[in-house]
């Protein structure tokens, strides 16, 4: 989950970032945060593929509502949660399809309820890969997986911020991922087609900049799968 925090008060940004980090740990969610002190700064450096924006209403320069109006012109799907000291603002928030609003000072219970609702909106009903490693159970959303690699006899599932160990064979894992937009470009790798940035005849570059080899034997099949995936996605 990618979250942007936009508030002119540093103490609010720090408090919210800490609450998000704690929520991430409690719920075993991969969450990355970016911070902005004004609406203008957010608009000038708008983070692509952001899932959620916590947006202050009262800010110098472009206020939160105007900022949200500009955001909606370029991003109709991002979840906007307003931060405000005035409960009456809820009526204004309808204009930009705000998901919720949180009253300052932020209360833990209300924040948790909002994050639960956000997670349900983003991942509700989403398929996840269930695995167990070192007596801990994990449910990793397929959309978070970048690559899977076998090193020696161990299989590692790599996401943007976390890496997990799969206690099973690469073959079994590949079977579990069948029909879920994954592809095996090399006998030692499985990749998430959603995370492919570009490729050559011998190498695939993922969205985080990492690369995996593309075997000559699998090159034609990969290109067909790549075209099919993006044709279906459009």
C-alpha atoms as a PDB file:
ATOM      1  CA  UNK A   1       0.000   0.000   0.000  1.00  0.00           C
ATOM      2  CA  UNK A   2       1.341   3.427  -0.969  1.00  0.00           C
ATOM      3  CA  UNK A   3       0.279   6.317   1.250  1.00  0.00           C
ATOM      4  CA  UNK A   4       0.889  10.059   0.890  1.00  0.00           C
ATOM      5  CA  UNK A   5       0.599  12.349   3.921  1.00  0.00           C
ATOM      6  CA  UNK A   6      -0.027  16.049   3.246  1.00  0.00           C
ATOM      7  CA  UNK A   7      -0.199  18.359   6.265  1.00  0.00           C
ATOM      8  CA  UNK A   8       1.566  21.617   7.072  1.00  0.00           C
ATOM      9  CA  UNK A   9       2.045  20.591  10.720  1.00  0.00           C
ATOM     10  CA  UNK A  10       5.130  18.425  11.167  1.00  0.00           C
ATOM     11  CA  UNK A  11       3.828  16.941  14.428  1.00  0.00           C
ATOM     12  CA  UNK A  12       0.712  15.684  12.613  1.00  0.00           C
ATOM     13  CA  UNK A  13       2.809  14.138   9.832  1.00  0.00           C
ATOM     14  CA  UNK A  14       5.064  12.420  12.364  1.00  0.00           C
ATOM     15  CA  UNK A  15       2.105  11.191  14.441  1.00  0.00           C
ATOM     16  CA  UNK A  16       0.332   9.828  11.376  1.00  0.00           C
ATOM     17  CA  UNK A  17       3.487   8.170  10.038  1.00  0.00           C
ATOM     18  CA  UNK A  18       4.001   6.442  13.414  1.00  0.00           C
ATOM     19  CA  UNK A  19       0.403   5.228  13.495  1.00  0.00           C
ATOM     20  CA  UNK A  20       0.717   3.888   9.944  1.00  0.00           C
ATOM     21  CA  UNK A  21       3.957   2.065  10.826  1.00  0.00           C
ATOM     22  CA  UNK A  22       2.331   0.464  13.878  1.00  0.00           C
ATOM     23  CA  UNK A  23      -0.727  -0.546  11.822  1.00  0.00           C
ATOM     24  CA  UNK A  24       1.544  -2.039   9.176  1.00  0.00           C
ATOM     25  CA  UNK A  25       3.308  -4.229  11.751  1.00  0.00           C
ATOM     26  CA  UNK A  26       0.094  -5.336  13.474  1.00  0.00           C
ATOM     27  CA  UNK A  27      -1.550  -6.320  10.211  1.00  0.00           C
ATOM     28  CA  UNK A  28       1.501  -7.589   8.320  1.00  0.00           C
ATOM     29  CA  UNK A  29       0.942  -5.101   5.494  1.00  0.00           C
ATOM     30  CA  UNK A  30       3.588  -3.602   3.228  1.00  0.00           C
ATOM     31  CA  UNK A  31       3.089   0.150   3.477  1.00  0.00           C
ATOM     32  CA  UNK A  32       5.308   2.930   2.141  1.00  0.00           C
ATOM     33  CA  UNK A  33       4.784   6.610   2.982  1.00  0.00           C
ATOM     34  CA  UNK A  34       5.689   9.903   1.339  1.00  0.00           C
ATOM     35  CA  UNK A  35       5.224  13.271   3.058  1.00  0.00           C
ATOM     36  CA  UNK A  36       4.298  16.760   1.855  1.00  0.00           C
ATOM     37  CA  UNK A  37       3.899  19.994   3.828  1.00  0.00           C
ATOM     38  CA  UNK A  38       1.586  21.823   1.400  1.00  0.00           C
ATOM     39  CA  UNK A  39      -0.989  21.011  -1.229  1.00  0.00           C
ATOM     40  CA  UNK A  40       1.155  22.729  -3.839  1.00  0.00           C
ATOM     41  CA  UNK A  41       4.109  20.480  -2.998  1.00  0.00           C
ATOM     42  CA  UNK A  42       1.907  17.406  -3.323  1.00  0.00           C
ATOM     43  CA  UNK A  43       0.549  18.490  -6.693  1.00  0.00           C
ATOM     44  CA  UNK A  44       3.998  19.381  -8.050  1.00  0.00           C
ATOM     45  CA  UNK A  45       5.462  16.037  -6.956  1.00  0.00           C
ATOM     46  CA  UNK A  46       2.393  13.841  -7.220  1.00  0.00           C
ATOM     47  CA  UNK A  47       3.390  10.242  -6.383  1.00  0.00           C
ATOM     48  CA  UNK A  48       2.256   7.848  -9.095  1.00  0.00           C
ATOM     49  CA  UNK A  49       0.178   4.776  -8.211  1.00  0.00           C
ATOM     50  CA  UNK A  50      -0.644   6.109  -4.749  1.00  0.00           C
ATOM     51  CA  UNK A  51      -3.398   4.187  -2.985  1.00  0.00           C
ATOM     52  CA  UNK A  52      -4.295   6.600  -0.178  1.00  0.00           C
ATOM     53  CA  UNK A  53      -3.799  10.303   0.561  1.00  0.00           C
ATOM     54  CA  UNK A  54      -4.233  11.712   4.068  1.00  0.00           C
ATOM     55  CA  UNK A  55      -4.931  15.350   3.211  1.00  0.00           C
ATOM     56  CA  UNK A  56      -5.125  18.288   5.603  1.00  0.00           C
ATOM     57  CA  UNK A  57      -7.932  20.773   4.940  1.00  0.00           C
ATOM     58  CA  UNK A  58      -6.429  23.969   6.385  1.00  0.00           C
ATOM     59  CA  UNK A  59      -3.056  24.631   4.716  1.00  0.00           C
ATOM     60  CA  UNK A  60      -1.235  27.723   3.430  1.00  0.00           C
ATOM     61  CA  UNK A  61      -1.409  28.206  -0.329  1.00  0.00           C
ATOM     62  CA  UNK A  62      -3.730  25.727  -2.006  1.00  0.00           C
ATOM     63  CA  UNK A  63      -6.033  24.337   0.677  1.00  0.00           C
ATOM     64  CA  UNK A  64      -6.996  20.696   1.023  1.00  0.00           C
ATOM     65  CA  UNK A  65     -10.283  20.901  -0.865  1.00  0.00           C
ATOM     66  CA  UNK A  66      -8.739  22.704  -3.855  1.00  0.00           C
ATOM     67  CA  UNK A  67      -5.854  20.231  -3.793  1.00  0.00           C
ATOM     68  CA  UNK A  68      -8.320  17.329  -3.833  1.00  0.00           C
ATOM     69  CA  UNK A  69     -10.158  18.873  -6.781  1.00  0.00           C
ATOM     70  CA  UNK A  70      -6.893  18.997  -8.739  1.00  0.00           C
ATOM     71  CA  UNK A  71      -6.031  15.430  -7.710  1.00  0.00           C
ATOM     72  CA  UNK A  72      -9.389  14.181  -8.967  1.00  0.00           C
ATOM     73  CA  UNK A  73      -8.635  15.626 -12.412  1.00  0.00           C
ATOM     74  CA  UNK A  74      -5.650  13.301 -12.746  1.00  0.00           C
ATOM     75  CA  UNK A  75      -6.506  10.427 -10.409  1.00  0.00           C
ATOM     76  CA  UNK A  76     -10.079   9.239  -9.969  1.00  0.00           C
ATOM     77  CA  UNK A  77      -9.292   6.100  -7.990  1.00  0.00           C
ATOM     78  CA  UNK A  78      -6.978   7.245  -5.194  1.00  0.00           C
ATOM     79  CA  UNK A  79      -8.575   7.108  -1.737  1.00  0.00           C
ATOM     80  CA  UNK A  80      -8.688  10.542  -0.064  1.00  0.00           C
ATOM     81  CA  UNK A  81      -8.987  10.833   3.714  1.00  0.00           C
ATOM     82  CA  UNK A  82      -9.291  14.415   4.935  1.00  0.00           C
ATOM     83  CA  UNK A  83      -7.726  15.639   8.171  1.00  0.00           C
ATOM     84  CA  UNK A  84      -9.680  18.471   9.775  1.00  0.00           C
ATOM     85  CA  UNK A  85     -10.499  20.129  13.075  1.00  0.00           C
ATOM     86  CA  UNK A  86     -14.074  20.841  11.973  1.00  0.00           C
ATOM     87  CA  UNK A  87     -16.699  18.100  11.706  1.00  0.00           C
ATOM     88  CA  UNK A  88     -18.905  20.371   9.559  1.00  0.00           C
ATOM     89  CA  UNK A  89     -16.372  19.975   6.743  1.00  0.00           C
ATOM     90  CA  UNK A  90     -17.813  16.532   5.922  1.00  0.00           C
ATOM     91  CA  UNK A  91     -20.394  18.153   3.603  1.00  0.00           C
ATOM     92  CA  UNK A  92     -17.676  19.852   1.546  1.00  0.00           C
ATOM     93  CA  UNK A  93     -15.755  16.577   1.259  1.00  0.00           C
ATOM     94  CA  UNK A  94     -18.564  14.969  -0.742  1.00  0.00           C
ATOM     95  CA  UNK A  95     -17.674  17.173  -3.715  1.00  0.00           C
ATOM     96  CA  UNK A  96     -14.368  15.396  -4.282  1.00  0.00           C
ATOM     97  CA  UNK A  97     -15.584  11.895  -3.351  1.00  0.00           C
ATOM     98  CA  UNK A  98     -13.558  11.751  -0.153  1.00  0.00           C
ATOM     99  CA  UNK A  99     -13.506   8.312   1.423  1.00  0.00           C
ATOM    100  CA  UNK A 100     -13.583   9.563   5.014  1.00  0.00           C
ATOM    101  CA  UNK A 101     -12.410  12.362   7.241  1.00  0.00           C
ATOM    102  CA  UNK A 102     -10.505  12.228  10.528  1.00  0.00           C
ATOM    103  CA  UNK A 103     -10.861  14.846  13.230  1.00  0.00           C
ATOM    104  CA  UNK A 104      -7.771  16.366  14.796  1.00  0.00           C
ATOM    105  CA  UNK A 105      -6.279  15.515  17.192  1.00  0.00           C
ATOM    106  CA  UNK A 106      -6.135  12.022  15.719  1.00  0.00           C
ATOM    107  CA  UNK A 107      -7.562   9.257  17.881  1.00  0.00           C
ATOM    108  CA  UNK A 108      -6.108   5.758  17.656  1.00  0.00           C
ATOM    109  CA  UNK A 109      -9.486   4.021  17.462  1.00  0.00           C
ATOM    110  CA  UNK A 110     -10.779   6.237  14.664  1.00  0.00           C
ATOM    111  CA  UNK A 111      -7.518   5.941  12.754  1.00  0.00           C
ATOM    112  CA  UNK A 112      -7.576   2.132  13.021  1.00  0.00           C
ATOM    113  CA  UNK A 113     -11.199   1.981  11.859  1.00  0.00           C
ATOM    114  CA  UNK A 114     -10.299   4.153   8.871  1.00  0.00           C
ATOM    115  CA  UNK A 115      -7.282   2.023   7.961  1.00  0.00           C
ATOM    116  CA  UNK A 116      -9.359  -1.158   8.255  1.00  0.00           C
ATOM    117  CA  UNK A 117     -11.908   0.359   5.867  1.00  0.00           C
ATOM    118  CA  UNK A 118      -9.141   1.444   3.480  1.00  0.00           C
ATOM    119  CA  UNK A 119      -7.580  -2.027   3.506  1.00  0.00           C
ATOM    120  CA  UNK A 120     -10.972  -3.613   2.883  1.00  0.00           C
ATOM    121  CA  UNK A 121     -11.563  -1.256  -0.063  1.00  0.00           C
ATOM    122  CA  UNK A 122      -8.157  -2.043  -1.543  1.00  0.00           C
ATOM    123  CA  UNK A 123      -7.824  -5.729  -0.743  1.00  0.00           C
ATOM    124  CA  UNK A 124     -11.281  -6.975   0.149  1.00  0.00           C
ATOM    125  CA  UNK A 125     -11.861 -10.226  -1.675  1.00  0.00           C
ATOM    126  CA  UNK A 126      -8.358 -10.096  -3.116  1.00  0.00           C
ATOM    127  CA  UNK A 127      -6.514 -13.368  -3.533  1.00  0.00           C
ATOM    128  CA  UNK A 128      -3.541 -13.793  -1.270  1.00  0.00           C
ATOM    129  CA  UNK A 129      -0.727 -16.306  -1.049  1.00  0.00           C
ATOM    130  CA  UNK A 130      -0.880 -17.974   2.348  1.00  0.00           C
ATOM    131  CA  UNK A 131       2.427 -19.175   3.687  1.00  0.00           C
ATOM    132  CA  UNK A 132       4.177 -20.013   6.934  1.00  0.00           C
ATOM    133  CA  UNK A 133       7.790 -19.241   7.814  1.00  0.00           C
ATOM    134  CA  UNK A 134       9.571 -19.552  11.179  1.00  0.00           C
ATOM    135  CA  UNK A 135       6.260 -20.308  12.928  1.00  0.00           C
ATOM    136  CA  UNK A 136       4.710 -17.102  11.556  1.00  0.00           C
ATOM    137  CA  UNK A 137       1.770 -17.164   9.154  1.00  0.00           C
ATOM    138  CA  UNK A 138       1.525 -14.626   6.347  1.00  0.00           C
ATOM    139  CA  UNK A 139      -1.113 -13.695   3.779  1.00  0.00           C
ATOM    140  CA  UNK A 140       0.718 -11.882   0.989  1.00  0.00           C
ATOM    141  CA  UNK A 141      -1.486 -10.148  -1.631  1.00  0.00           C
ATOM    142  CA  UNK A 142      -0.489 -11.336  -5.093  1.00  0.00           C
ATOM    143  CA  UNK A 143      -0.315  -7.714  -6.243  1.00  0.00           C
ATOM    144  CA  UNK A 144       2.570  -7.060  -3.774  1.00  0.00           C
ATOM    145  CA  UNK A 145       4.849  -9.809  -5.092  1.00  0.00           C
ATOM    146  CA  UNK A 146       7.686  -8.726  -7.388  1.00  0.00           C
ATOM    147  CA  UNK A 147       9.724 -11.860  -8.033  1.00  0.00           C
ATOM    148  CA  UNK A 148      10.203 -15.347  -6.686  1.00  0.00           C
ATOM    149  CA  UNK A 149      13.631 -16.928  -6.777  1.00  0.00           C
ATOM    150  CA  UNK A 150      15.071 -20.299  -5.875  1.00  0.00           C
ATOM    151  CA  UNK A 151      18.506 -20.161  -4.261  1.00  0.00           C
ATOM    152  CA  UNK A 152      19.971 -23.563  -3.552  1.00  0.00           C
ATOM    153  CA  UNK A 153      16.981 -25.463  -2.225  1.00  0.00           C
ATOM    154  CA  UNK A 154      15.235 -22.428  -0.750  1.00  0.00           C
ATOM    155  CA  UNK A 155      12.476 -20.410  -2.420  1.00  0.00           C
ATOM    156  CA  UNK A 156      12.293 -16.688  -1.630  1.00  0.00           C
ATOM    157  CA  UNK A 157       9.292 -14.462  -2.355  1.00  0.00           C
ATOM    158  CA  UNK A 158      10.390 -10.853  -2.766  1.00  0.00           C
ATOM    159  CA  UNK A 159       8.055  -7.895  -2.395  1.00  0.00           C
ATOM    160  CA  UNK A 160       8.934  -4.195  -2.422  1.00  0.00           C
ATOM    161  CA  UNK A 161       9.825  -4.047   1.261  1.00  0.00           C
ATOM    162  CA  UNK A 162       9.691  -7.607   2.594  1.00  0.00           C
ATOM    163  CA  UNK A 163      11.053 -10.999   1.587  1.00  0.00           C
ATOM    164  CA  UNK A 164       9.397 -14.270   2.605  1.00  0.00           C
ATOM    165  CA  UNK A 165      10.517 -17.892   2.581  1.00  0.00           C
ATOM    166  CA  UNK A 166       8.273 -20.469   0.895  1.00  0.00           C
ATOM    167  CA  UNK A 167       8.426 -23.887   2.518  1.00  0.00           C
ATOM    168  CA  UNK A 168       7.756 -25.874  -0.609  1.00  0.00           C
ATOM    169  CA  UNK A 169       8.973 -26.527  -4.122  1.00  0.00           C
ATOM    170  CA  UNK A 170       9.142 -24.019  -6.963  1.00  0.00           C
ATOM    171  CA  UNK A 171       6.917 -26.326  -9.014  1.00  0.00           C
ATOM    172  CA  UNK A 172       4.178 -26.344  -6.363  1.00  0.00           C
ATOM    173  CA  UNK A 173       4.378 -22.582  -6.023  1.00  0.00           C
ATOM    174  CA  UNK A 174       4.132 -22.092  -9.770  1.00  0.00           C
ATOM    175  CA  UNK A 175       1.017 -24.291  -9.782  1.00  0.00           C
ATOM    176  CA  UNK A 176      -0.511 -22.182  -6.975  1.00  0.00           C
ATOM    177  CA  UNK A 177       0.095 -19.035  -9.021  1.00  0.00           C
ATOM    178  CA  UNK A 178      -1.404 -20.398 -12.233  1.00  0.00           C
ATOM    179  CA  UNK A 179      -3.931 -18.002 -13.736  1.00  0.00           C
ATOM    180  CA  UNK A 180      -2.861 -15.121 -11.459  1.00  0.00           C
ATOM    181  CA  UNK A 181      -0.661 -13.145 -13.886  1.00  0.00           C
ATOM    182  CA  UNK A 182       2.636 -14.788 -13.001  1.00  0.00           C
ATOM    183  CA  UNK A 183       5.202 -16.222 -15.408  1.00  0.00           C
ATOM    184  CA  UNK A 184       8.353 -18.344 -15.156  1.00  0.00           C
ATOM    185  CA  UNK A 185      10.939 -16.743 -17.499  1.00  0.00           C
ATOM    186  CA  UNK A 186      13.746 -18.923 -16.178  1.00  0.00           C
ATOM    187  CA  UNK A 187      13.830 -22.156 -14.201  1.00  0.00           C
ATOM    188  CA  UNK A 188      15.024 -20.252 -11.112  1.00  0.00           C
ATOM    189  CA  UNK A 189      12.526 -17.370 -11.267  1.00  0.00           C
ATOM    190  CA  UNK A 190       8.831 -16.548 -11.286  1.00  0.00           C
ATOM    191  CA  UNK A 191       7.776 -12.958 -11.933  1.00  0.00           C
ATOM    192  CA  UNK A 192       4.628 -10.911 -11.410  1.00  0.00           C
ATOM    193  CA  UNK A 193       3.563  -9.626 -14.834  1.00  0.00           C
ATOM    194  CA  UNK A 194       1.994  -6.588 -13.140  1.00  0.00           C
ATOM    195  CA  UNK A 195       5.471  -5.535 -12.003  1.00  0.00           C
ATOM    196  CA  UNK A 196       7.320  -5.775 -15.334  1.00  0.00           C
ATOM    197  CA  UNK A 197       8.773  -2.441 -16.426  1.00  0.00           C
ATOM    198  CA  UNK A 198      10.614  -3.460 -19.632  1.00  0.00           C
ATOM    199  CA  UNK A 199      12.521  -6.319 -21.184  1.00  0.00           C
ATOM    200  CA  UNK A 200      15.165  -7.290 -23.714  1.00  0.00           C
ATOM    201  CA  UNK A 201      15.792 -10.628 -25.422  1.00  0.00           C
ATOM    202  CA  UNK A 202      17.746 -11.843 -22.399  1.00  0.00           C
ATOM    203  CA  UNK A 203      16.610  -9.832 -19.371  1.00  0.00           C
ATOM    204  CA  UNK A 204      13.479  -8.520 -17.656  1.00  0.00           C
ATOM    205  CA  UNK A 205      13.539  -5.338 -15.584  1.00  0.00           C
ATOM    206  CA  UNK A 206      10.981  -5.044 -12.800  1.00  0.00           C
ATOM    207  CA  UNK A 207       9.337  -1.842 -11.567  1.00  0.00           C
ATOM    208  CA  UNK A 208      11.787  -1.572  -8.647  1.00  0.00           C
ATOM    209  CA  UNK A 209      14.781  -1.704 -11.017  1.00  0.00           C
ATOM    210  CA  UNK A 210      15.790  -5.289 -10.249  1.00  0.00           C
ATOM    211  CA  UNK A 211      16.413  -7.673 -13.143  1.00  0.00           C
ATOM    212  CA  UNK A 212      15.798 -11.357 -13.798  1.00  0.00           C
ATOM    213  CA  UNK A 213      17.152 -13.474 -16.645  1.00  0.00           C
ATOM    214  CA  UNK A 214      14.967 -14.443 -19.596  1.00  0.00           C
ATOM    215  CA  UNK A 215      16.004 -17.780 -21.057  1.00  0.00           C
ATOM    216  CA  UNK A 216      16.050 -18.161 -24.832  1.00  0.00           C
ATOM    217  CA  UNK A 217      13.748 -21.156 -24.533  1.00  0.00           C
ATOM    218  CA  UNK A 218      11.129 -19.056 -22.701  1.00  0.00           C
ATOM    219  CA  UNK A 219      11.543 -15.763 -24.598  1.00  0.00           C
ATOM    220  CA  UNK A 220       8.761 -16.253 -27.167  1.00  0.00           C
ATOM    221  CA  UNK A 221       6.301 -17.509 -24.565  1.00  0.00           C
ATOM    222  CA  UNK A 222       7.106 -14.545 -22.321  1.00  0.00           C
ATOM    223  CA  UNK A 223       6.527 -12.015 -25.113  1.00  0.00           C
ATOM    224  CA  UNK A 224       3.173 -13.625 -25.915  1.00  0.00           C
ATOM    225  CA  UNK A 225       2.200 -13.556 -22.231  1.00  0.00           C
ATOM    226  CA  UNK A 226       3.350  -9.947 -21.878  1.00  0.00           C
ATOM    227  CA  UNK A 227       1.248  -8.802 -24.842  1.00  0.00           C
ATOM    228  CA  UNK A 228      -1.741 -10.822 -23.630  1.00  0.00           C
ATOM    229  CA  UNK A 229      -1.496  -9.433 -20.090  1.00  0.00           C
ATOM    230  CA  UNK A 230      -1.372  -5.806 -21.164  1.00  0.00           C
ATOM    231  CA  UNK A 231      -4.075  -6.322 -23.784  1.00  0.00           C
ATOM    232  CA  UNK A 232      -6.352  -7.644 -21.047  1.00  0.00           C
ATOM    233  CA  UNK A 233      -5.352  -4.838 -18.681  1.00  0.00           C
ATOM    234  CA  UNK A 234      -6.212  -2.016 -21.080  1.00  0.00           C
END
